[in-house]
Protein backbone atom coordinates (compact mmCIF):
# COMPACT_ATOMS: atom_id res chain seq x y z
CA MET A 1 79.20 74.29 35.79
CA GLY A 2 76.53 72.68 33.70
CA LEU A 3 74.53 72.93 30.54
CA SER A 4 70.74 72.87 30.81
CA LYS A 5 67.56 73.55 28.84
CA LEU A 6 63.86 74.13 29.52
CA SER A 7 61.98 70.89 30.14
CA GLU A 8 59.54 69.53 27.54
CA GLU A 9 56.66 69.82 30.02
CA CYS A 10 57.32 73.55 30.42
CA LYS A 11 57.81 74.09 26.68
CA ASN A 12 54.31 72.69 25.98
CA CYS A 13 52.64 74.70 28.75
CA PRO A 14 50.49 77.68 27.59
CA PHE A 15 51.79 79.80 30.49
CA VAL A 16 55.48 79.34 29.72
CA GLU A 17 56.11 83.07 29.33
CA LYS A 18 54.41 84.10 32.61
CA CYS A 19 55.34 81.16 34.83
CA LYS A 20 57.97 81.67 37.52
CA ASN A 21 58.32 77.96 38.36
CA LYS A 22 60.09 76.73 35.26
CA ARG A 23 61.84 73.37 35.32
CA MET A 24 65.24 72.86 33.78
CA GLU A 25 66.80 69.64 32.49
CA ALA A 26 70.50 68.97 32.77
CA LEU A 27 72.17 68.07 29.49
CA ALA A 28 75.82 67.82 30.45
CA TYR A 29 78.34 68.91 33.00
CA MET A 30 81.44 70.80 31.99
CA THR A 31 84.49 70.06 34.08
CA GLU A 32 87.54 72.25 34.22
CA PRO A 33 90.87 70.88 35.42
CA GLN A 34 91.51 73.87 37.71
CA VAL A 35 88.09 73.55 39.38
CA LEU A 36 88.61 69.85 39.98
CA ALA A 37 92.12 70.44 41.35
CA ASN A 38 90.84 73.04 43.82
CA ALA A 39 88.03 70.75 44.94
CA ALA A 40 90.44 67.89 45.60
CA ASP A 41 92.84 69.96 47.73
CA PRO A 42 92.23 69.90 51.47
CA SER A 43 91.22 73.23 52.89
CA SER A 44 92.80 72.68 56.30
CA GLU A 45 94.99 75.78 55.99
CA ASN A 46 91.86 77.93 55.92
CA LEU A 47 90.54 76.29 59.07
CA ALA A 48 93.78 76.81 60.95
CA ALA A 49 93.96 80.54 60.12
CA PRO A 50 92.72 82.83 62.90
CA LEU A 51 89.54 84.76 62.36
CA LEU A 52 90.14 88.31 61.25
CA ARG A 53 88.54 90.55 63.83
CA GLU A 54 89.08 94.27 64.23
CA THR A 55 90.95 95.18 67.40
CA VAL A 56 90.99 98.48 69.26
CA THR A 57 93.50 99.69 71.84
CA ILE A 58 91.86 101.18 74.94
CA MET A 59 93.34 102.45 78.18
CA ILE A 60 92.40 100.46 81.30
CA ASN A 61 93.93 101.76 84.56
CA GLY A 62 96.63 103.56 82.60
CA THR A 63 97.76 100.57 80.54
CA PRO A 64 96.92 100.08 76.85
CA THR A 65 94.88 96.93 76.24
CA GLN A 66 93.94 95.27 72.94
CA VAL A 67 90.23 94.36 72.76
CA TYR A 68 87.95 93.22 69.96
CA LYS A 69 85.67 95.91 68.56
CA ASP A 70 82.65 93.59 68.20
CA GLU A 71 82.81 92.66 71.90
CA ILE A 72 82.79 96.34 72.88
CA GLU A 73 79.77 96.97 70.62
CA LYS A 74 77.95 93.99 72.12
CA GLN A 75 78.49 95.32 75.65
CA LEU A 76 77.41 98.85 74.66
CA TYR A 77 74.22 97.63 73.00
CA SER A 78 73.30 95.38 75.91
CA GLN A 79 73.74 98.27 78.38
CA LEU A 80 71.91 100.71 76.11
CA TYR A 81 68.87 98.52 75.43
CA SER A 82 68.61 96.75 78.80
CA GLY A 83 66.22 99.40 80.19
CA LEU A 84 63.87 99.33 77.22
CA GLY A 85 62.35 95.89 77.93
CA LEU A 86 58.83 95.45 79.30
CA LYS A 87 59.16 94.98 83.05
CA PHE A 88 55.47 94.72 83.84
CA GLY A 89 52.93 92.06 82.99
CA SER A 90 53.40 88.29 82.98
């Protein structure tokens, strides 16, 4: 987190109210002990956690099978839209 103000160049500009490209100058940075402690900790536990994906149970040859919902959607969309491409020309 930081503390900033409008630059002197922008303050003296006649279009300061209408301009959308204002420049800010940093005055100071505020540090909080909790923010610094979190930044110093390694985040390896987040990398080791499995990705949360929604699973669906479907029946294949009479046996229930766990599959990922996004993979089913990808297959459905590819089959649905495969015939809509331009097959003539180039």
